[in-house]
Amino acid sequence: MTRRLDLPDTASVATPGDGGRLCAPSAERNAGPICDLVSAHGPAEGRALELASGTGQHAVALARHLPGLDWQPSEPDAERRASIRAWAAEADLPNLREPMEIDAARPGWATEYGPFDLILLVNLFHLIPEEDARAIVAETARALAPGGAFILYGPFMRGGELTSEGDARFHASLTAQDPSIGYKDDFDVTDWLHEAGLSLGALVEMPANNLAFVARAPG
């Protein structure tokens, strides 16, 4: 697969801010819980990659909260890379790198940019087809250093079931726009992680009915 991920219109609600920054309310809300999640389950030091960094709000929050990690944001969309740069320039953090253009579903990026001690992916799997999600898991596994962690966060089905009315409405709106996307099942994602050679170290319930998978590479 070499095509760029084409996300639906519902992928993110981000509004223009000062200095070229984009502001996503969801990123503002979940930045704290995600920082706590990574603190609890990720390495304290090393090289970290955030896939699909979006506006850059998470990248800044993570780099500030976890100064021992060297944070590498990435984003395939040029406008959002500009937003990441604007947020980073304002924060002026020594451990936050220039955003890279990575399409997470494209085979081969792991050998170009890895290895990483931590890879984080937030709120993407429900917005892309299953084949792309599986490709991301496989390539991420190749990009991890021995013993490295992959933290995957977002809304998921639990055992094939949508567990809230809000999730059911959102899933229906996504599949109405594109039948190939929508919430993935936690059992399926666990299988994809194992097929990629990763072990599932923790499954963490997160605020707003989100779920986090913490998987590790061997070694």
C-alpha atoms as a PDB file:
ATOM      1  CA  MET A   1       0.000   0.000   0.000  1.00  0.00           C
ATOM      2  CA  THR A   2       1.495   3.300  -1.053  1.00  0.00           C
ATOM      3  CA  ARG A   3      -1.491   5.650  -1.096  1.00  0.00           C
ATOM      4  CA  ARG A   4      -1.789   8.481   1.397  1.00  0.00           C
ATOM      5  CA  LEU A   5      -4.409   8.080   4.080  1.00  0.00           C
ATOM      6  CA  ASP A   6      -7.539  10.024   3.146  1.00  0.00           C
ATOM      7  CA  LEU A   7      -9.365  10.886   6.342  1.00  0.00           C
ATOM      8  CA  PRO A   8     -13.091  11.666   6.467  1.00  0.00           C
ATOM      9  CA  ASP A   9     -14.465  15.129   7.171  1.00  0.00           C
ATOM     10  CA  THR A  10     -15.300  13.979  10.700  1.00  0.00           C
ATOM     11  CA  ALA A  11     -11.667  13.105  11.423  1.00  0.00           C
ATOM     12  CA  SER A  12     -10.954  16.157  13.521  1.00  0.00           C
ATOM     13  CA  VAL A  13     -12.608  19.404  14.481  1.00  0.00           C
ATOM     14  CA  ALA A  14      -9.792  21.963  14.542  1.00  0.00           C
ATOM     15  CA  THR A  15     -10.138  25.716  14.364  1.00  0.00           C
ATOM     16  CA  PRO A  16      -7.476  28.266  13.382  1.00  0.00           C
ATOM     17  CA  GLY A  17      -5.683  29.961  16.258  1.00  0.00           C
ATOM     18  CA  ASP A  18      -2.955  32.548  16.584  1.00  0.00           C
ATOM     19  CA  GLY A  19       0.282  32.261  14.637  1.00  0.00           C
ATOM     20  CA  GLY A  20      -0.799  29.411  12.373  1.00  0.00           C
ATOM     21  CA  ARG A  21      -1.753  27.101  15.216  1.00  0.00           C
ATOM     22  CA  LEU A  22      -4.764  24.812  14.826  1.00  0.00           C
ATOM     23  CA  CYS A  23      -6.748  24.075  17.981  1.00  0.00           C
ATOM     24  CA  ALA A  24      -8.693  20.847  18.487  1.00  0.00           C
ATOM     25  CA  PRO A  25     -10.904  20.745  21.605  1.00  0.00           C
ATOM     26  CA  SER A  26     -10.579  16.957  21.847  1.00  0.00           C
ATOM     27  CA  ALA A  27      -6.787  17.234  21.925  1.00  0.00           C
ATOM     28  CA  GLU A  28      -7.030  19.804  24.689  1.00  0.00           C
ATOM     29  CA  ARG A  29      -9.327  17.536  26.733  1.00  0.00           C
ATOM     30  CA  ASN A  30      -7.391  14.306  26.453  1.00  0.00           C
ATOM     31  CA  ALA A  31      -3.809  15.639  26.600  1.00  0.00           C
ATOM     32  CA  GLY A  32      -3.593  15.210  30.378  1.00  0.00           C
ATOM     33  CA  PRO A  33      -4.844  11.604  30.486  1.00  0.00           C
ATOM     34  CA  ILE A  34      -2.600  10.680  27.565  1.00  0.00           C
ATOM     35  CA  CYS A  35       0.454  12.202  29.278  1.00  0.00           C
ATOM     36  CA  ASP A  36      -0.379  10.198  32.405  1.00  0.00           C
ATOM     37  CA  LEU A  37      -0.844   7.049  30.309  1.00  0.00           C
ATOM     38  CA  VAL A  38       2.538   7.427  28.616  1.00  0.00           C
ATOM     39  CA  SER A  39       4.207   8.233  31.950  1.00  0.00           C
ATOM     40  CA  ALA A  40       2.818   5.035  33.469  1.00  0.00           C
ATOM     41  CA  HIS A  41       3.466   2.660  30.565  1.00  0.00           C
ATOM     42  CA  GLY A  42       6.171   4.161  28.359  1.00  0.00           C
ATOM     43  CA  PRO A  43       9.927   4.464  28.826  1.00  0.00           C
ATOM     44  CA  ALA A  44      11.338   7.339  30.854  1.00  0.00           C
ATOM     45  CA  GLU A  45      14.091   7.995  28.315  1.00  0.00           C
ATOM     46  CA  GLY A  46      14.783   7.383  24.653  1.00  0.00           C
ATOM     47  CA  ARG A  47      13.452   8.237  21.242  1.00  0.00           C
ATOM     48  CA  ALA A  48       9.673   8.639  20.885  1.00  0.00           C
ATOM     49  CA  LEU A  49       7.564   8.975  17.744  1.00  0.00           C
ATOM     50  CA  GLU A  50       4.001  10.242  17.607  1.00  0.00           C
ATOM     51  CA  LEU A  51       2.215   9.115  14.459  1.00  0.00           C
ATOM     52  CA  ALA A  52      -0.544  11.333  13.034  1.00  0.00           C
ATOM     53  CA  SER A  53       0.290  14.191  15.392  1.00  0.00           C
ATOM     54  CA  GLY A  54      -2.531  16.385  14.068  1.00  0.00           C
ATOM     55  CA  THR A  55      -2.534  19.929  15.404  1.00  0.00           C
ATOM     56  CA  GLY A  56       0.602  19.504  17.555  1.00  0.00           C
ATOM     57  CA  GLN A  57      -1.127  20.040  20.902  1.00  0.00           C
ATOM     58  CA  HIS A  58      -0.331  16.525  22.082  1.00  0.00           C
ATOM     59  CA  ALA A  59       3.279  16.751  20.931  1.00  0.00           C
ATOM     60  CA  VAL A  60       3.871  19.871  23.014  1.00  0.00           C
ATOM     61  CA  ALA A  61       2.094  18.467  26.073  1.00  0.00           C
ATOM     62  CA  LEU A  62       4.010  15.196  25.904  1.00  0.00           C
ATOM     63  CA  ALA A  63       7.403  16.817  25.377  1.00  0.00           C
ATOM     64  CA  ARG A  64       6.770  19.139  28.319  1.00  0.00           C
ATOM     65  CA  HIS A  65       5.452  16.376  30.593  1.00  0.00           C
ATOM     66  CA  LEU A  66       8.139  13.819  29.667  1.00  0.00           C
ATOM     67  CA  PRO A  67      11.435  15.701  29.270  1.00  0.00           C
ATOM     68  CA  GLY A  68      13.507  12.496  29.283  1.00  0.00           C
ATOM     69  CA  LEU A  69      12.015  11.472  25.934  1.00  0.00           C
ATOM     70  CA  ASP A  70      13.139  12.963  22.636  1.00  0.00           C
ATOM     71  CA  TRP A  71       9.798  13.559  20.887  1.00  0.00           C
ATOM     72  CA  GLN A  72       9.440  13.237  17.127  1.00  0.00           C
ATOM     73  CA  PRO A  73       6.032  14.377  15.822  1.00  0.00           C
ATOM     74  CA  SER A  74       4.882  13.261  12.386  1.00  0.00           C
ATOM     75  CA  GLU A  75       1.946  14.151  10.175  1.00  0.00           C
ATOM     76  CA  PRO A  76       1.180  13.597   6.462  1.00  0.00           C
ATOM     77  CA  ASP A  77      -0.893  16.786   6.097  1.00  0.00           C
ATOM     78  CA  ALA A  78       1.111  19.951   5.332  1.00  0.00           C
ATOM     79  CA  GLU A  79      -1.297  22.340   7.075  1.00  0.00           C
ATOM     80  CA  ARG A  80      -1.119  20.318  10.252  1.00  0.00           C
ATOM     81  CA  ARG A  81       2.669  20.088  10.087  1.00  0.00           C
ATOM     82  CA  ALA A  82       2.664  23.902   9.959  1.00  0.00           C
ATOM     83  CA  SER A  83       0.444  23.923  13.049  1.00  0.00           C
ATOM     84  CA  ILE A  84       2.837  21.557  14.848  1.00  0.00           C
ATOM     85  CA  ARG A  85       5.714  23.919  14.043  1.00  0.00           C
ATOM     86  CA  ALA A  86       3.738  26.884  15.377  1.00  0.00           C
ATOM     87  CA  TRP A  87       2.871  25.134  18.659  1.00  0.00           C
ATOM     88  CA  ALA A  88       6.489  23.957  19.005  1.00  0.00           C
ATOM     89  CA  ALA A  89       7.882  27.430  18.351  1.00  0.00           C
ATOM     90  CA  GLU A  90       5.722  28.900  21.096  1.00  0.00           C
ATOM     91  CA  ALA A  91       6.638  26.135  23.568  1.00  0.00           C
ATOM     92  CA  ASP A  92      10.374  26.229  22.738  1.00  0.00           C
ATOM     93  CA  LEU A  93      11.095  22.792  24.199  1.00  0.00           C
ATOM     94  CA  PRO A  94      14.556  21.286  23.660  1.00  0.00           C
ATOM     95  CA  ASN A  95      13.225  17.714  23.318  1.00  0.00           C
ATOM     96  CA  LEU A  96      10.649  18.412  20.590  1.00  0.00           C
ATOM     97  CA  ARG A  97      11.811  17.814  17.013  1.00  0.00           C
ATOM     98  CA  GLU A  98      10.749  19.210  13.648  1.00  0.00           C
ATOM     99  CA  PRO A  99       7.656  17.302  12.398  1.00  0.00           C
ATOM    100  CA  MET A 100       8.293  14.661   9.749  1.00  0.00           C
ATOM    101  CA  GLU A 101       6.006  13.734   6.869  1.00  0.00           C
ATOM    102  CA  ILE A 102       5.107  10.116   7.565  1.00  0.00           C
ATOM    103  CA  ASP A 103       2.097   8.287   6.143  1.00  0.00           C
ATOM    104  CA  ALA A 104       1.760   5.650   8.852  1.00  0.00           C
ATOM    105  CA  ALA A 105       0.204   3.052   6.502  1.00  0.00           C
ATOM    106  CA  ARG A 106       3.001   3.281   3.933  1.00  0.00           C
ATOM    107  CA  PRO A 107       5.340   0.291   3.977  1.00  0.00           C
ATOM    108  CA  GLY A 108       9.004   1.120   4.487  1.00  0.00           C
ATOM    109  CA  TRP A 109       8.929   4.125   6.781  1.00  0.00           C
ATOM    110  CA  ALA A 110      10.147   2.012   9.705  1.00  0.00           C
ATOM    111  CA  THR A 111      13.520   1.389   8.097  1.00  0.00           C
ATOM    112  CA  GLU A 112      13.815   5.044   7.036  1.00  0.00           C
ATOM    113  CA  TYR A 113      13.144   6.598  10.443  1.00  0.00           C
ATOM    114  CA  GLY A 114      13.368   3.935  13.179  1.00  0.00           C
ATOM    115  CA  PRO A 115      14.129   2.499  15.599  1.00  0.00           C
ATOM    116  CA  PHE A 116      12.077   4.138  18.368  1.00  0.00           C
ATOM    117  CA  ASP A 117      11.772   3.276  22.044  1.00  0.00           C
ATOM    118  CA  LEU A 118       8.151   4.450  22.035  1.00  0.00           C
ATOM    119  CA  ILE A 119       5.545   4.953  19.317  1.00  0.00           C
ATOM    120  CA  LEU A 120       2.245   6.632  20.148  1.00  0.00           C
ATOM    121  CA  LEU A 121      -0.877   6.757  17.984  1.00  0.00           C
ATOM    122  CA  VAL A 122      -4.002   8.610  19.131  1.00  0.00           C
ATOM    123  CA  ASN A 123      -7.518   8.641  17.669  1.00  0.00           C
ATOM    124  CA  LEU A 124      -6.904   7.309  14.173  1.00  0.00           C
ATOM    125  CA  PHE A 125      -8.064   3.703  13.808  1.00  0.00           C
ATOM    126  CA  HIS A 126     -11.798   4.510  13.729  1.00  0.00           C
ATOM    127  CA  LEU A 127     -11.166   6.912  10.838  1.00  0.00           C
ATOM    128  CA  ILE A 128      -9.401   4.508   8.458  1.00  0.00           C
ATOM    129  CA  PRO A 129     -10.135   1.153   6.781  1.00  0.00           C
ATOM    130  CA  GLU A 130      -9.084  -2.093   8.421  1.00  0.00           C
ATOM    131  CA  GLU A 131      -6.365  -2.758   5.848  1.00  0.00           C
ATOM    132  CA  ASP A 132      -4.710   0.547   6.710  1.00  0.00           C
ATOM    133  CA  ALA A 133      -4.993  -0.090  10.447  1.00  0.00           C
ATOM    134  CA  ARG A 134      -3.369  -3.500  10.060  1.00  0.00           C
ATOM    135  CA  ALA A 135      -0.605  -2.008   7.891  1.00  0.00           C
ATOM    136  CA  ILE A 136       0.105   0.586  10.573  1.00  0.00           C
ATOM    137  CA  VAL A 137       0.432  -2.086  13.257  1.00  0.00           C
ATOM    138  CA  ALA A 138       2.797  -4.144  11.104  1.00  0.00           C
ATOM    139  CA  GLU A 139       5.015  -1.193  10.176  1.00  0.00           C
ATOM    140  CA  THR A 140       5.028   0.161  13.729  1.00  0.00           C
ATOM    141  CA  ALA A 141       6.253  -3.212  15.007  1.00  0.00           C
ATOM    142  CA  ARG A 142       9.176  -2.993  12.575  1.00  0.00           C
ATOM    143  CA  ALA A 143       9.986   0.542  13.763  1.00  0.00           C
ATOM    144  CA  LEU A 144      10.297  -0.338  17.457  1.00  0.00           C
ATOM    145  CA  ALA A 145      13.634  -0.868  19.148  1.00  0.00           C
ATOM    146  CA  PRO A 146      13.997  -4.136  21.113  1.00  0.00           C
ATOM    147  CA  GLY A 147      11.687  -3.874  24.108  1.00  0.00           C
ATOM    148  CA  GLY A 148      10.091  -0.725  22.712  1.00  0.00           C
ATOM    149  CA  ALA A 149       6.478   0.191  23.468  1.00  0.00           C
ATOM    150  CA  PHE A 150       3.586   0.895  21.118  1.00  0.00           C
ATOM    151  CA  ILE A 151       0.712   2.808  22.756  1.00  0.00           C
ATOM    152  CA  LEU A 152      -2.499   2.925  20.739  1.00  0.00           C
ATOM    153  CA  TYR A 153      -5.347   5.110  22.036  1.00  0.00           C
ATOM    154  CA  GLY A 154      -8.862   5.750  20.827  1.00  0.00           C
ATOM    155  CA  PRO A 155     -12.475   4.575  20.749  1.00  0.00           C
ATOM    156  CA  PHE A 156     -12.972   0.855  20.135  1.00  0.00           C
ATOM    157  CA  MET A 157     -15.685  -1.770  20.220  1.00  0.00           C
ATOM    158  CA  ARG A 158     -15.522  -4.174  23.159  1.00  0.00           C
ATOM    159  CA  GLY A 159     -16.082  -7.749  22.052  1.00  0.00           C
ATOM    160  CA  GLY A 160     -17.942  -6.589  18.949  1.00  0.00           C
ATOM    161  CA  GLU A 161     -20.237  -4.244  20.880  1.00  0.00           C
ATOM    162  CA  LEU A 162     -20.509  -0.467  20.994  1.00  0.00           C
ATOM    163  CA  THR A 163     -20.806   0.339  24.671  1.00  0.00           C
ATOM    164  CA  SER A 164     -22.477   3.774  24.696  1.00  0.00           C
ATOM    165  CA  GLU A 165     -25.118   5.666  22.749  1.00  0.00           C
ATOM    166  CA  GLY A 166     -22.560   8.316  21.864  1.00  0.00           C
ATOM    167  CA  ASP A 167     -20.202   5.719  20.413  1.00  0.00           C
ATOM    168  CA  ALA A 168     -23.060   4.141  18.450  1.00  0.00           C
ATOM    169  CA  ARG A 169     -24.004   7.507  16.936  1.00  0.00           C
ATOM    170  CA  PHE A 170     -20.427   8.388  16.048  1.00  0.00           C
ATOM    171  CA  HIS A 171     -19.729   4.953  14.540  1.00  0.00           C
ATOM    172  CA  ALA A 172     -22.932   5.225  12.471  1.00  0.00           C
ATOM    173  CA  SER A 173     -21.946   8.680  11.210  1.00  0.00           C
ATOM    174  CA  LEU A 174     -18.539   7.362  10.140  1.00  0.00           C
ATOM    175  CA  THR A 175     -19.852   4.290   8.332  1.00  0.00           C
ATOM    176  CA  ALA A 176     -22.543   6.389   6.632  1.00  0.00           C
ATOM    177  CA  GLN A 177     -19.772   8.556   5.194  1.00  0.00           C
ATOM    178  CA  ASP A 178     -17.559   5.590   4.279  1.00  0.00           C
ATOM    179  CA  PRO A 179     -18.620   1.967   4.957  1.00  0.00           C
ATOM    180  CA  SER A 180     -14.966   0.857   5.147  1.00  0.00           C
ATOM    181  CA  ILE A 181     -14.231   2.901   8.300  1.00  0.00           C
ATOM    182  CA  GLY A 182     -15.612   2.999  11.824  1.00  0.00           C
ATOM    183  CA  TYR A 183     -14.768   1.564  15.221  1.00  0.00           C
ATOM    184  CA  LYS A 184     -12.420  -1.435  15.286  1.00  0.00           C
ATOM    185  CA  ASP A 185     -12.912  -4.273  17.766  1.00  0.00           C
ATOM    186  CA  ASP A 186     -10.550  -4.722  20.699  1.00  0.00           C
ATOM    187  CA  PHE A 187     -10.246  -8.471  20.031  1.00  0.00           C
ATOM    188  CA  ASP A 188      -9.236  -7.844  16.406  1.00  0.00           C
ATOM    189  CA  VAL A 189      -6.657  -5.207  17.349  1.00  0.00           C
ATOM    190  CA  THR A 190      -5.150  -7.587  19.900  1.00  0.00           C
ATOM    191  CA  ASP A 191      -4.846 -10.219  17.160  1.00  0.00           C
ATOM    192  CA  TRP A 192      -3.146  -7.722  14.822  1.00  0.00           C
ATOM    193  CA  LEU A 193      -0.621  -6.812  17.512  1.00  0.00           C
ATOM    194  CA  HIS A 194       0.221 -10.469  18.119  1.00  0.00           C
ATOM    195  CA  GLU A 195       0.470 -11.176  14.376  1.00  0.00           C
ATOM    196  CA  ALA A 196       3.016  -8.346  14.136  1.00  0.00           C
ATOM    197  CA  GLY A 197       5.150  -9.982  16.824  1.00  0.00           C
ATOM    198  CA  LEU A 198       4.170  -7.644  19.668  1.00  0.00           C
ATOM    199  CA  SER A 199       2.949  -8.696  23.098  1.00  0.00           C
ATOM    200  CA  LEU A 200       0.014  -6.931  24.737  1.00  0.00           C
ATOM    201  CA  GLY A 201       1.290  -5.700  28.081  1.00  0.00           C
ATOM    202  CA  ALA A 202      -1.785  -3.756  29.207  1.00  0.00           C
ATOM    203  CA  LEU A 203      -5.275  -2.772  28.117  1.00  0.00           C
ATOM    204  CA  VAL A 204      -6.186   0.468  29.867  1.00  0.00           C
ATOM    205  CA  GLU A 205      -9.671   1.975  30.143  1.00  0.00           C
ATOM    206  CA  MET A 206      -9.434   5.722  29.506  1.00  0.00           C
ATOM    207  CA  PRO A 207     -11.805   8.682  30.003  1.00  0.00           C
ATOM    208  CA  ALA A 208     -14.745   9.223  27.625  1.00  0.00           C
ATOM    209  CA  ASN A 209     -15.007   5.481  26.975  1.00  0.00           C
ATOM    210  CA  ASN A 210     -11.660   5.334  25.167  1.00  0.00           C
ATOM    211  CA  LEU A 211      -9.240   2.439  25.367  1.00  0.00           C
ATOM    212  CA  ALA A 212      -5.449   2.232  25.272  1.00  0.00           C
ATOM    213  CA  PHE A 213      -3.435  -0.770  24.094  1.00  0.00           C
ATOM    214  CA  VAL A 214       0.115  -0.985  25.419  1.00  0.00           C
ATOM    215  CA  ALA A 215       2.131  -3.448  23.324  1.00  0.00           C
ATOM    216  CA  ARG A 216       5.835  -4.256  23.420  1.00  0.00           C
ATOM    217  CA  ALA A 217       8.425  -5.511  20.997  1.00  0.00           C
ATOM    218  CA  PRO A 218      10.499  -8.527  21.999  1.00  0.00           C
ATOM    219  CA  GLY A 219      13.908  -8.002  23.538  1.00  0.00           C
END
